[in-house]
Amino acid sequence: PSINALGQAYLQYEMPKRLLIRVGNQVINTPWMGPRDSRM
């Protein structure tokens, strides 16, 4: 009847337009591994 979840929980280090490192629960978007965000 319901889903309640901690979908993301991450730490990250970012140098804009140069470097990004993210650790934890996160959305990832690549050709064969991604969010498939067409449902709830």
Full PDB file with SEQRES, HELIX, SHEET, SSBOND, CRYST1, ORIGX, SCALE, CONECT and MASTER records, all heavy atoms in Angstrom:
SEQRES   1 A   40  PRO SER ILE ASN ALA LEU GLY GLN ALA TYR LEU GLN TYR          
SEQRES   2 A   40  GLU MET PRO LYS ARG LEU LEU ILE ARG VAL GLY ASN GLN          
SEQRES   3 A   40  VAL ILE ASN THR PRO TRP MET GLY PRO ARG ASP SER ARG          
SEQRES   4 A   40  MET                                                          
SHEET    1 AA1 2 ALA A   9  MET A  15  0                                        
SHEET    2 AA1 2 LEU A  19  ASN A  25 -1                                        
CRYST1    1.000    1.000    1.000  90.00  90.00  90.00 P 1           1          
ORIGX1      1.000000  0.000000  0.000000        0.00000                         
ORIGX2      0.000000  1.000000  0.000000        0.00000                         
ORIGX3      0.000000  0.000000  1.000000        0.00000                         
SCALE1      1.000000  0.000000  0.000000        0.00000                         
SCALE2      0.000000  1.000000  0.000000        0.00000                         
SCALE3      0.000000  0.000000  1.000000        0.00000                         
ATOM      1  N   PRO A   1       0.807  -1.231   0.000  1.00  0.00           N  
ATOM      2  CA  PRO A   1       0.000   0.000   0.000  1.00  0.00           C  
ATOM      3  C   PRO A   1       0.835   1.273   0.000  1.00  0.00           C  
ATOM      4  O   PRO A   1       0.344   2.341  -0.378  1.00  0.00           O  
ATOM      5  CB  PRO A   1      -0.824  -0.118   1.277  1.00  0.00           C  
ATOM      6  CG  PRO A   1      -0.039  -1.034   2.163  1.00  0.00           C  
ATOM      7  CD  PRO A   1       0.625  -2.011   1.247  1.00  0.00           C  
ATOM      8  N   SER A   2       2.114   1.179   0.412  1.00  0.00           N  
ATOM      9  CA  SER A   2       2.964   2.372   0.424  1.00  0.00           C  
ATOM     10  C   SER A   2       4.439   1.974   0.378  1.00  0.00           C  
ATOM     11  O   SER A   2       4.802   0.870   0.775  1.00  0.00           O  
ATOM     12  CB  SER A   2       2.702   3.237   1.662  1.00  0.00           C  
ATOM     13  OG  SER A   2       3.082   2.555   2.840  1.00  0.00           O  
ATOM     14  N   ILE A   3       5.249   2.892  -0.128  1.00  0.00           N  
ATOM     15  CA  ILE A   3       6.705   2.763  -0.103  1.00  0.00           C  
ATOM     16  C   ILE A   3       7.250   4.048   0.512  1.00  0.00           C  
ATOM     17  O   ILE A   3       6.912   5.156   0.067  1.00  0.00           O  
ATOM     18  CB  ILE A   3       7.296   2.599  -1.514  1.00  0.00           C  
ATOM     19  CG1 ILE A   3       6.741   1.348  -2.202  1.00  0.00           C  
ATOM     20  CG2 ILE A   3       8.823   2.513  -1.447  1.00  0.00           C  
ATOM     21  CD1 ILE A   3       7.179   1.224  -3.651  1.00  0.00           C  
ATOM     22  N   ASN A   4       8.076   3.921   1.515  1.00  0.00           N  
ATOM     23  CA  ASN A   4       8.751   5.059   2.128  1.00  0.00           C  
ATOM     24  C   ASN A   4      10.220   4.694   2.275  1.00  0.00           C  
ATOM     25  O   ASN A   4      10.539   3.717   2.959  1.00  0.00           O  
ATOM     26  CB  ASN A   4       8.131   5.395   3.481  1.00  0.00           C  
ATOM     27  CG  ASN A   4       6.678   5.817   3.369  1.00  0.00           C  
ATOM     28  OD1 ASN A   4       6.380   6.919   2.923  1.00  0.00           O  
ATOM     29  ND2 ASN A   4       5.766   4.927   3.750  1.00  0.00           N  
ATOM     30  N   ALA A   5      11.086   5.464   1.642  1.00  0.00           N  
ATOM     31  CA  ALA A   5      12.487   5.056   1.584  1.00  0.00           C  
ATOM     32  C   ALA A   5      13.410   6.266   1.575  1.00  0.00           C  
ATOM     33  O   ALA A   5      13.047   7.344   1.100  1.00  0.00           O  
ATOM     34  CB  ALA A   5      12.740   4.208   0.333  1.00  0.00           C  
ATOM     35  N   LEU A   6      14.604   6.043   2.115  1.00  0.00           N  
ATOM     36  CA  LEU A   6      15.683   7.018   1.990  1.00  0.00           C  
ATOM     37  C   LEU A   6      16.357   6.731   0.655  1.00  0.00           C  
ATOM     38  O   LEU A   6      17.282   5.930   0.565  1.00  0.00           O  
ATOM     39  CB  LEU A   6      16.670   6.879   3.154  1.00  0.00           C  
ATOM     40  CG  LEU A   6      17.732   7.976   3.280  1.00  0.00           C  
ATOM     41  CD1 LEU A   6      17.082   9.320   3.590  1.00  0.00           C  
ATOM     42  CD2 LEU A   6      18.738   7.611   4.367  1.00  0.00           C  
ATOM     43  N   GLY A   7      15.860   7.362  -0.399  1.00  0.00           N  
ATOM     44  CA  GLY A   7      16.322   7.059  -1.750  1.00  0.00           C  
ATOM     45  C   GLY A   7      17.746   7.491  -2.010  1.00  0.00           C  
ATOM     46  O   GLY A   7      18.489   6.808  -2.718  1.00  0.00           O  
ATOM     47  N   GLN A   8      18.147   8.642  -1.451  1.00  0.00           N  
ATOM     48  CA  GLN A   8      19.527   9.115  -1.585  1.00  0.00           C  
ATOM     49  C   GLN A   8      20.048   9.555  -0.227  1.00  0.00           C  
ATOM     50  O   GLN A   8      19.311  10.137   0.573  1.00  0.00           O  
ATOM     51  CB  GLN A   8      19.623  10.284  -2.569  1.00  0.00           C  
ATOM     52  CG  GLN A   8      19.299   9.950  -4.005  1.00  0.00           C  
ATOM     53  CD  GLN A   8      19.742  11.064  -4.938  1.00  0.00           C  
ATOM     54  OE1 GLN A   8      20.791  11.007  -5.591  1.00  0.00           O  
ATOM     55  NE2 GLN A   8      18.923  12.108  -5.050  1.00  0.00           N  
ATOM     56  N   ALA A   9      21.319   9.295   0.014  1.00  0.00           N  
ATOM     57  CA  ALA A   9      22.014   9.783   1.201  1.00  0.00           C  
ATOM     58  C   ALA A   9      23.497   9.707   0.878  1.00  0.00           C  
ATOM     59  O   ALA A   9      24.091   8.634   0.923  1.00  0.00           O  
ATOM     60  CB  ALA A   9      21.679   8.958   2.430  1.00  0.00           C  
ATOM     61  N   TYR A  10      24.102  10.821   0.503  1.00  0.00           N  
ATOM     62  CA  TYR A  10      25.463  10.780  -0.034  1.00  0.00           C  
ATOM     63  C   TYR A  10      26.299  11.947   0.470  1.00  0.00           C  
ATOM     64  O   TYR A  10      25.792  12.988   0.911  1.00  0.00           O  
ATOM     65  CB  TYR A  10      25.421  10.816  -1.565  1.00  0.00           C  
ATOM     66  CG  TYR A  10      24.762  12.054  -2.142  1.00  0.00           C  
ATOM     67  CD1 TYR A  10      25.463  13.248  -2.300  1.00  0.00           C  
ATOM     68  CD2 TYR A  10      23.422  12.037  -2.542  1.00  0.00           C  
ATOM     69  CE1 TYR A  10      24.865  14.381  -2.819  1.00  0.00           C  
ATOM     70  CE2 TYR A  10      22.816  13.151  -3.066  1.00  0.00           C  
ATOM     71  CZ  TYR A  10      23.536  14.330  -3.199  1.00  0.00           C  
ATOM     72  OH  TYR A  10      22.929  15.452  -3.705  1.00  0.00           O  
ATOM     73  N   LEU A  11      27.605  11.741   0.391  1.00  0.00           N  
ATOM     74  CA  LEU A  11      28.601  12.780   0.576  1.00  0.00           C  
ATOM     75  C   LEU A  11      29.310  12.966  -0.758  1.00  0.00           C  
ATOM     76  O   LEU A  11      29.536  11.995  -1.482  1.00  0.00           O  
ATOM     77  CB  LEU A  11      29.613  12.387   1.652  1.00  0.00           C  
ATOM     78  CG  LEU A  11      29.059  12.116   3.048  1.00  0.00           C  
ATOM     79  CD1 LEU A  11      30.156  11.548   3.940  1.00  0.00           C  
ATOM     80  CD2 LEU A  11      28.494  13.393   3.653  1.00  0.00           C  
ATOM     81  N   GLN A  12      29.675  14.197  -1.081  1.00  0.00           N  
ATOM     82  CA  GLN A  12      30.363  14.407  -2.345  1.00  0.00           C  
ATOM     83  C   GLN A  12      31.394  15.521  -2.250  1.00  0.00           C  
ATOM     84  O   GLN A  12      31.313  16.423  -1.398  1.00  0.00           O  
ATOM     85  CB  GLN A  12      29.371  14.700  -3.464  1.00  0.00           C  
ATOM     86  CG  GLN A  12      28.766  16.085  -3.462  1.00  0.00           C  
ATOM     87  CD  GLN A  12      27.927  16.320  -4.718  1.00  0.00           C  
ATOM     88  OE1 GLN A  12      27.315  15.403  -5.265  1.00  0.00           O  
ATOM     89  NE2 GLN A  12      27.894  17.559  -5.181  1.00  0.00           N  
ATOM     90  N   TYR A  13      32.368  15.407  -3.138  1.00  0.00           N  
ATOM     91  CA  TYR A  13      33.371  16.454  -3.317  1.00  0.00           C  
ATOM     92  C   TYR A  13      33.314  16.886  -4.769  1.00  0.00           C  
ATOM     93  O   TYR A  13      33.330  16.048  -5.685  1.00  0.00           O  
ATOM     94  CB  TYR A  13      34.774  15.955  -2.985  1.00  0.00           C  
ATOM     95  CG  TYR A  13      35.845  16.973  -3.306  1.00  0.00           C  
ATOM     96  CD1 TYR A  13      36.037  18.079  -2.496  1.00  0.00           C  
ATOM     97  CD2 TYR A  13      36.646  16.825  -4.433  1.00  0.00           C  
ATOM     98  CE1 TYR A  13      37.001  19.020  -2.790  1.00  0.00           C  
ATOM     99  CE2 TYR A  13      37.626  17.764  -4.737  1.00  0.00           C  
ATOM    100  CZ  TYR A  13      37.797  18.863  -3.914  1.00  0.00           C  
ATOM    101  OH  TYR A  13      38.751  19.792  -4.216  1.00  0.00           O  
ATOM    102  N   GLU A  14      33.249  18.203  -4.997  1.00  0.00           N  
ATOM    103  CA  GLU A  14      33.075  18.688  -6.366  1.00  0.00           C  
ATOM    104  C   GLU A  14      33.956  19.899  -6.644  1.00  0.00           C  
ATOM    105  O   GLU A  14      34.015  20.842  -5.853  1.00  0.00           O  
ATOM    106  CB  GLU A  14      31.614  19.057  -6.614  1.00  0.00           C  
ATOM    107  CG  GLU A  14      31.342  19.524  -8.032  1.00  0.00           C  
ATOM    108  CD  GLU A  14      29.867  19.807  -8.265  1.00  0.00           C  
ATOM    109  OE1 GLU A  14      29.127  19.959  -7.268  1.00  0.00           O  
ATOM    110  OE2 GLU A  14      29.449  19.890  -9.443  1.00  0.00           O  
ATOM    111  N   MET A  15      34.634  19.822  -7.780  1.00  0.00           N  
ATOM    112  CA  MET A  15      35.307  20.974  -8.373  1.00  0.00           C  
ATOM    113  C   MET A  15      34.562  21.228  -9.678  1.00  0.00           C  
ATOM    114  O   MET A  15      34.713  20.449 -10.630  1.00  0.00           O  
ATOM    115  CB  MET A  15      36.785  20.678  -8.640  1.00  0.00           C  
ATOM    116  CG  MET A  15      37.586  20.349  -7.395  1.00  0.00           C  
ATOM    117  SD  MET A  15      39.278  19.798  -7.782  1.00  0.00           S  
ATOM    118  CE  MET A  15      39.931  21.267  -8.612  1.00  0.00           C  
ATOM    119  N   PRO A  16      33.713  22.267  -9.736  1.00  0.00           N  
ATOM    120  CA  PRO A  16      32.825  22.446 -10.888  1.00  0.00           C  
ATOM    121  C   PRO A  16      33.551  22.363 -12.227  1.00  0.00           C  
ATOM    122  O   PRO A  16      34.613  22.950 -12.413  1.00  0.00           O  
ATOM    123  CB  PRO A  16      32.243  23.849 -10.656  1.00  0.00           C  
ATOM    124  CG  PRO A  16      32.274  24.012  -9.171  1.00  0.00           C  
ATOM    125  CD  PRO A  16      33.533  23.321  -8.733  1.00  0.00           C  
ATOM    126  N   LYS A  17      32.964  21.570 -13.140  1.00  0.00           N  
ATOM    127  CA  LYS A  17      33.470  21.351 -14.495  1.00  0.00           C  
ATOM    128  C   LYS A  17      34.836  20.674 -14.528  1.00  0.00           C  
ATOM    129  O   LYS A  17      35.509  20.686 -15.556  1.00  0.00           O  
ATOM    130  CB  LYS A  17      33.522  22.668 -15.275  1.00  0.00           C  
ATOM    131  CG  LYS A  17      32.147  23.289 -15.503  1.00  0.00           C  
ATOM    132  CD  LYS A  17      32.244  24.533 -16.367  1.00  0.00           C  
ATOM    133  CE  LYS A  17      30.855  25.123 -16.614  1.00  0.00           C  
ATOM    134  NZ  LYS A  17      30.914  26.319 -17.481  1.00  0.00           N  
ATOM    135  N   ARG A  18      35.236  20.077 -13.412  1.00  0.00           N  
ATOM    136  CA  ARG A  18      36.522  19.368 -13.394  1.00  0.00           C  
ATOM    137  C   ARG A  18      36.419  17.990 -12.743  1.00  0.00           C  
ATOM    138  O   ARG A  18      36.817  16.994 -13.336  1.00  0.00           O  
ATOM    139  CB  ARG A  18      37.584  20.215 -12.669  1.00  0.00           C  
ATOM    140  CG  ARG A  18      37.963  21.502 -13.413  1.00  0.00           C  
ATOM    141  CD  ARG A  18      39.135  22.167 -12.747  1.00  0.00           C  
ATOM    142  NE  ARG A  18      40.338  21.330 -12.764  1.00  0.00           N  
ATOM    143  CZ  ARG A  18      41.482  21.644 -12.154  1.00  0.00           C  
ATOM    144  NH1 ARG A  18      41.552  22.769 -11.450  1.00  0.00           N  
ATOM    145  NH2 ARG A  18      42.504  20.836 -12.219  1.00  0.00           N  
ATOM    146  N   LEU A  19      35.861  17.928 -11.520  1.00  0.00           N  
ATOM    147  CA  LEU A  19      35.883  16.664 -10.785  1.00  0.00           C  
ATOM    148  C   LEU A  19      34.668  16.557  -9.874  1.00  0.00           C  
ATOM    149  O   LEU A  19      34.252  17.530  -9.239  1.00  0.00           O  
ATOM    150  CB  LEU A  19      37.155  16.574  -9.942  1.00  0.00           C  
ATOM    151  CG  LEU A  19      37.301  15.357  -9.022  1.00  0.00           C  
ATOM    152  CD1 LEU A  19      37.432  14.079  -9.841  1.00  0.00           C  
ATOM    153  CD2 LEU A  19      38.493  15.527  -8.087  1.00  0.00           C  
ATOM    154  N   LEU A  20      34.090  15.346  -9.816  1.00  0.00           N  
ATOM    155  CA  LEU A  20      33.009  15.039  -8.893  1.00  0.00           C  
ATOM    156  C   LEU A  20      33.231  13.635  -8.347  1.00  0.00           C  
ATOM    157  O   LEU A  20      33.446  12.687  -9.112  1.00  0.00           O  
ATOM    158  CB  LEU A  20      31.649  15.111  -9.592  1.00  0.00           C  
ATOM    159  CG  LEU A  20      30.453  14.571  -8.797  1.00  0.00           C  
ATOM    160  CD1 LEU A  20      30.168  15.467  -7.589  1.00  0.00           C  
ATOM    161  CD2 LEU A  20      29.220  14.458  -9.672  1.00  0.00           C  
ATOM    162  N   ILE A  21      33.198  13.487  -7.019  1.00  0.00           N  
ATOM    163  CA  ILE A  21      33.261  12.188  -6.366  1.00  0.00           C  
ATOM    164  C   ILE A  21      32.093  12.113  -5.391  1.00  0.00           C  
ATOM    165  O   ILE A  21      31.955  12.972  -4.518  1.00  0.00           O  
ATOM    166  CB  ILE A  21      34.592  11.967  -5.618  1.00  0.00           C  
ATOM    167  CG1 ILE A  21      35.767  12.064  -6.592  1.00  0.00           C  
ATOM    168  CG2 ILE A  21      34.594  10.616  -4.921  1.00  0.00           C  
ATOM    169  CD1 ILE A  21      37.121  12.002  -5.907  1.00  0.00           C  
ATOM    170  N   ARG A  22      31.248  11.099  -5.544  1.00  0.00           N  
ATOM    171  CA  ARG A  22      30.067  10.968  -4.686  1.00  0.00           C  
ATOM    172  C   ARG A  22      30.049   9.572  -4.080  1.00  0.00           C  
ATOM    173  O   ARG A  22      30.222   8.576  -4.785  1.00  0.00           O  
ATOM    174  CB  ARG A  22      28.794  11.219  -5.486  1.00  0.00           C  
ATOM    175  CG  ARG A  22      27.519  11.172  -4.654  1.00  0.00           C  
ATOM    176  CD  ARG A  22      26.299  11.463  -5.507  1.00  0.00           C  
ATOM    177  NE  ARG A  22      26.327  12.822  -6.006  1.00  0.00           N  
ATOM    178  CZ  ARG A  22      25.890  13.179  -7.211  1.00  0.00           C  
ATOM    179  NH1 ARG A  22      25.444  12.267  -8.050  1.00  0.00           N  
ATOM    180  NH2 ARG A  22      25.929  14.455  -7.575  1.00  0.00           N  
ATOM    181  N   VAL A  23      29.809   9.501  -2.768  1.00  0.00           N  
ATOM    182  CA  VAL A  23      29.795   8.236  -2.031  1.00  0.00           C  
ATOM    183  C   VAL A  23      28.468   8.099  -1.309  1.00  0.00           C  
ATOM    184  O   VAL A  23      28.041   9.017  -0.603  1.00  0.00           O  
ATOM    185  CB  VAL A  23      30.954   8.166  -1.015  1.00  0.00           C  
ATOM    186  CG1 VAL A  23      30.930   6.843  -0.268  1.00  0.00           C  
ATOM    187  CG2 VAL A  23      32.298   8.375  -1.700  1.00  0.00           C  
ATOM    188  N   GLY A  24      27.818   6.933  -1.478  1.00  0.00           N  
ATOM    189  CA  GLY A  24      26.570   6.681  -0.765  1.00  0.00           C  
ATOM    190  C   GLY A  24      25.454   6.264  -1.688  1.00  0.00           C  
ATOM    191  O   GLY A  24      25.678   5.741  -2.785  1.00  0.00           O  
ATOM    192  N   ASN A  25      24.222   6.500  -1.248  1.00  0.00           N  
ATOM    193  CA  ASN A  25      23.027   6.165  -2.024  1.00  0.00           C  
ATOM    194  C   ASN A  25      22.721   7.310  -2.976  1.00  0.00           C  
ATOM    195  O   ASN A  25      22.560   8.455  -2.541  1.00  0.00           O  
ATOM    196  CB  ASN A  25      21.835   5.928  -1.102  1.00  0.00           C  
ATOM    197  CG  ASN A  25      22.098   4.857  -0.064  1.00  0.00           C  
ATOM    198  OD1 ASN A  25      23.020   4.053  -0.209  1.00  0.00           O  
ATOM    199  ND2 ASN A  25      21.300   4.840   0.998  1.00  0.00           N  
ATOM    200  N   GLN A  26      22.574   7.013  -4.258  1.00  0.00           N  
ATOM    201  CA  GLN A  26      22.502   8.097  -5.236  1.00  0.00           C  
ATOM    202  C   GLN A  26      21.844   7.663  -6.535  1.00  0.00           C  
ATOM    203  O   GLN A  26      21.766   6.481  -6.856  1.00  0.00           O  
ATOM    204  CB  GLN A  26      23.921   8.591  -5.551  1.00  0.00           C  
ATOM    205  CG  GLN A  26      24.847   7.490  -6.031  1.00  0.00           C  
ATOM    206  CD  GLN A  26      26.294   7.916  -6.065  1.00  0.00           C  
ATOM    207  OE1 GLN A  26      26.683   8.745  -6.895  1.00  0.00           O  
ATOM    208  NE2 GLN A  26      27.106   7.356  -5.176  1.00  0.00           N  
ATOM    209  N   VAL A  27      21.378   8.673  -7.278  1.00  0.00           N  
ATOM    210  CA  VAL A  27      20.887   8.476  -8.638  1.00  0.00           C  
ATOM    211  C   VAL A  27      22.084   8.448  -9.578  1.00  0.00           C  
ATOM    212  O   VAL A  27      22.982   9.281  -9.474  1.00  0.00           O  
ATOM    213  CB  VAL A  27      19.921   9.599  -9.054  1.00  0.00           C  
ATOM    214  CG1 VAL A  27      19.560   9.487 -10.539  1.00  0.00           C  
ATOM    215  CG2 VAL A  27      18.657   9.565  -8.213  1.00  0.00           C  
ATOM    216  N   ILE A  28      22.105   7.470 -10.475  1.00  0.00           N  
ATOM    217  CA  ILE A  28      23.164   7.366 -11.479  1.00  0.00           C  
ATOM    218  C   ILE A  28      22.504   7.263 -12.842  1.00  0.00           C  
ATOM    219  O   ILE A  28      21.482   6.583 -12.998  1.00  0.00           O  
ATOM    220  CB  ILE A  28      24.068   6.145 -11.210  1.00  0.00           C  
ATOM    221  CG1 ILE A  28      24.935   6.413  -9.984  1.00  0.00           C  
ATOM    222  CG2 ILE A  28      24.938   5.809 -12.410  1.00  0.00           C  
ATOM    223  CD1 ILE A  28      25.772   5.238  -9.547  1.00  0.00           C  
ATOM    224  N   ASN A  29      23.065   7.934 -13.834  1.00  0.00           N  
ATOM    225  CA  ASN A  29      22.460   7.943 -15.164  1.00  0.00           C  
ATOM    226  C   ASN A  29      23.505   7.632 -16.225  1.00  0.00           C  
ATOM    227  O   ASN A  29      24.316   8.490 -16.582  1.00  0.00           O  
ATOM    228  CB  ASN A  29      21.821   9.311 -15.433  1.00  0.00           C  
ATOM    229  CG  ASN A  29      20.876   9.281 -16.616  1.00  0.00           C  
ATOM    230  OD1 ASN A  29      20.719   8.255 -17.285  1.00  0.00           O  
ATOM    231  ND2 ASN A  29      20.240  10.395 -16.882  1.00  0.00           N  
ATOM    232  N   THR A  30      23.524   6.382 -16.697  1.00  0.00           N  
ATOM    233  CA  THR A  30      24.409   5.956 -17.778  1.00  0.00           C  
ATOM    234  C   THR A  30      23.588   5.123 -18.764  1.00  0.00           C  
ATOM    235  O   THR A  30      22.443   4.755 -18.468  1.00  0.00           O  
ATOM    236  CB  THR A  30      25.594   5.119 -17.241  1.00  0.00           C  
ATOM    237  OG1 THR A  30      25.104   3.826 -16.832  1.00  0.00           O  
ATOM    238  CG2 THR A  30      26.281   5.805 -16.068  1.00  0.00           C  
ATOM    239  N   PRO A  31      24.116   4.795 -19.948  1.00  0.00           N  
ATOM    240  CA  PRO A  31      23.294   4.123 -20.963  1.00  0.00           C  
ATOM    241  C   PRO A  31      22.628   2.833 -20.517  1.00  0.00           C  
ATOM    242  O   PRO A  31      21.469   2.575 -20.862  1.00  0.00           O  
ATOM    243  CB  PRO A  31      24.301   3.866 -22.095  1.00  0.00           C  
ATOM    244  CG  PRO A  31      25.320   4.945 -21.956  1.00  0.00           C  
ATOM    245  CD  PRO A  31      25.447   5.161 -20.484  1.00  0.00           C  
ATOM    246  N   TRP A  32      23.334   1.958 -19.754  1.00  0.00           N  
ATOM    247  CA  TRP A  32      22.773   0.667 -19.380  1.00  0.00           C  
ATOM    248  C   TRP A  32      22.634   0.493 -17.871  1.00  0.00           C  
ATOM    249  O   TRP A  32      22.497  -0.625 -17.377  1.00  0.00           O  
ATOM    250  CB  TRP A  32      23.597  -0.471 -19.989  1.00  0.00           C  
ATOM    251  CG  TRP A  32      23.436  -0.508 -21.471  1.00  0.00           C  
ATOM    252  CD1 TRP A  32      24.226   0.083 -22.404  1.00  0.00           C  
ATOM    253  CD2 TRP A  32      22.358  -1.126 -22.204  1.00  0.00           C  
ATOM    254  NE1 TRP A  32      23.733  -0.124 -23.678  1.00  0.00           N  
ATOM    255  CE2 TRP A  32      22.587  -0.872 -23.580  1.00  0.00           C  
ATOM    256  CE3 TRP A  32      21.248  -1.879 -21.843  1.00  0.00           C  
ATOM    257  CZ2 TRP A  32      21.728  -1.331 -24.586  1.00  0.00           C  
ATOM    258  CZ3 TRP A  32      20.395  -2.341 -22.826  1.00  0.00           C  
ATOM    259  CH2 TRP A  32      20.637  -2.066 -24.181  1.00  0.00           C  
ATOM    260  N   MET A  33      22.649   1.616 -17.178  1.00  0.00           N  
ATOM    261  CA  MET A  33      22.487   1.580 -15.721  1.00  0.00           C  
ATOM    262  C   MET A  33      22.039   2.968 -15.279  1.00  0.00           C  
ATOM    263  O   MET A  33      22.845   3.898 -15.221  1.00  0.00           O  
ATOM    264  CB  MET A  33      23.820   1.204 -15.066  1.00  0.00           C  
ATOM    265  CG  MET A  33      23.726   0.783 -13.632  1.00  0.00           C  
ATOM    266  SD  MET A  33      25.334   0.114 -13.120  1.00  0.00           S  
ATOM    267  CE  MET A  33      25.003  -0.191 -11.392  1.00  0.00           C  
ATOM    268  N   GLY A  34      20.740   3.125 -15.036  1.00  0.00           N  
ATOM    269  CA  GLY A  34      20.227   4.452 -14.742  1.00  0.00           C  
ATOM    270  C   GLY A  34      18.971   4.423 -13.895  1.00  0.00           C  
ATOM    271  O   GLY A  34      18.548   3.370 -13.394  1.00  0.00           O  
ATOM    272  N   PRO A  35      18.312   5.576 -13.740  1.00  0.00           N  
ATOM    273  CA  PRO A  35      17.175   5.690 -12.815  1.00  0.00           C  
ATOM    274  C   PRO A  35      15.880   5.077 -13.321  1.00  0.00           C  
ATOM    275  O   PRO A  35      15.007   4.774 -12.533  1.00  0.00           O  
ATOM    276  CB  PRO A  35      17.029   7.201 -12.638  1.00  0.00           C  
ATOM    277  CG  PRO A  35      17.584   7.785 -13.900  1.00  0.00           C  
ATOM    278  CD  PRO A  35      18.712   6.880 -14.294  1.00  0.00           C  
ATOM    279  N   ARG A  36      15.734   4.914 -14.655  1.00  0.00           N  
ATOM    280  CA  ARG A  36      14.479   4.403 -15.227  1.00  0.00           C  
ATOM    281  C   ARG A  36      13.297   5.134 -14.599  1.00  0.00           C  
ATOM    282  O   ARG A  36      12.321   4.520 -14.139  1.00  0.00           O  
ATOM    283  CB  ARG A  36      14.360   2.893 -15.018  1.00  0.00           C  
ATOM    284  CG  ARG A  36      15.483   2.092 -15.618  1.00  0.00           C  
ATOM    285  CD  ARG A  36      15.360   0.623 -15.288  1.00  0.00           C  
ATOM    286  NE  ARG A  36      14.210  -0.005 -15.942  1.00  0.00           N  
ATOM    287  CZ  ARG A  36      13.457  -0.951 -15.383  1.00  0.00           C  
ATOM    288  NH1 ARG A  36      13.720  -1.368 -14.149  1.00  0.00           N  
ATOM    289  NH2 ARG A  36      12.455  -1.495 -16.044  1.00  0.00           N  
ATOM    290  N   ASP A  37      13.328   6.454 -14.626  1.00  0.00           N  
ATOM    291  CA  ASP A  37      12.373   7.263 -13.878  1.00  0.00           C  
ATOM    292  C   ASP A  37      11.080   7.486 -14.665  1.00  0.00           C  
ATOM    293  O   ASP A  37      10.703   8.617 -14.970  1.00  0.00           O  
ATOM    294  CB  ASP A  37      13.018   8.603 -13.513  1.00  0.00           C  
ATOM    295  CG  ASP A  37      12.221   9.354 -12.470  1.00  0.00           C  
ATOM    296  OD1 ASP A  37      11.342   8.735 -11.846  1.00  0.00           O  
ATOM    297  OD2 ASP A  37      12.470  10.555 -12.284  1.00  0.00           O  
ATOM    298  N   SER A  38      10.396   6.383 -14.985  1.00  0.00           N  
ATOM    299  CA  SER A  38       9.098   6.481 -15.648  1.00  0.00           C  
ATOM    300  C   SER A  38       7.987   5.946 -14.759  1.00  0.00           C  
ATOM    301  O   SER A  38       6.854   5.796 -15.203  1.00  0.00           O  
ATOM    302  CB  SER A  38       9.112   5.687 -16.961  1.00  0.00           C  
ATOM    303  OG  SER A  38       9.382   4.315 -16.715  1.00  0.00           O  
ATOM    304  N   ARG A  39       8.298   5.638 -13.511  1.00  0.00           N  
ATOM    305  CA  ARG A  39       7.310   5.184 -12.543  1.00  0.00           C  
ATOM    306  C   ARG A  39       7.260   6.189 -11.385  1.00  0.00           C  
ATOM    307  O   ARG A  39       7.768   7.289 -11.486  1.00  0.00           O  
ATOM    308  CB  ARG A  39       7.656   3.781 -12.037  1.00  0.00           C  
ATOM    309  CG  ARG A  39       7.708   2.702 -13.120  1.00  0.00           C  
ATOM    310  CD  ARG A  39       6.400   2.579 -13.874  1.00  0.00           C  
ATOM    311  NE  ARG A  39       6.293   1.368 -14.655  1.00  0.00           N  
ATOM    312  CZ  ARG A  39       6.788   1.196 -15.878  1.00  0.00           C  
ATOM    313  NH1 ARG A  39       7.469   2.169 -16.462  1.00  0.00           N  
ATOM    314  NH2 ARG A  39       6.605   0.049 -16.530  1.00  0.00           N  
ATOM    315  N   MET A  40       6.668   5.803 -10.286  1.00  0.00           N  
ATOM    316  CA  MET A  40       6.545   6.733  -9.166  1.00  0.00           C  
ATOM    317  C   MET A  40       7.900   7.127  -8.625  1.00  0.00           C  
ATOM    318  O   MET A  40       8.146   8.298  -8.303  1.00  0.00           O  
ATOM    319  CB  MET A  40       5.705   6.100  -8.062  1.00  0.00           C  
ATOM    320  CG  MET A  40       4.215   6.227  -8.279  1.00  0.00           C  
ATOM    321  SD  MET A  40       3.639   7.941  -8.399  1.00  0.00           S  
ATOM    322  CE  MET A  40       3.990   8.531  -6.753  1.00  0.00           C  
TER     323      MET A  40                                                      
MASTER        0    0    0    0    2    0    0    6  322    1    0    4          
END                                                                             
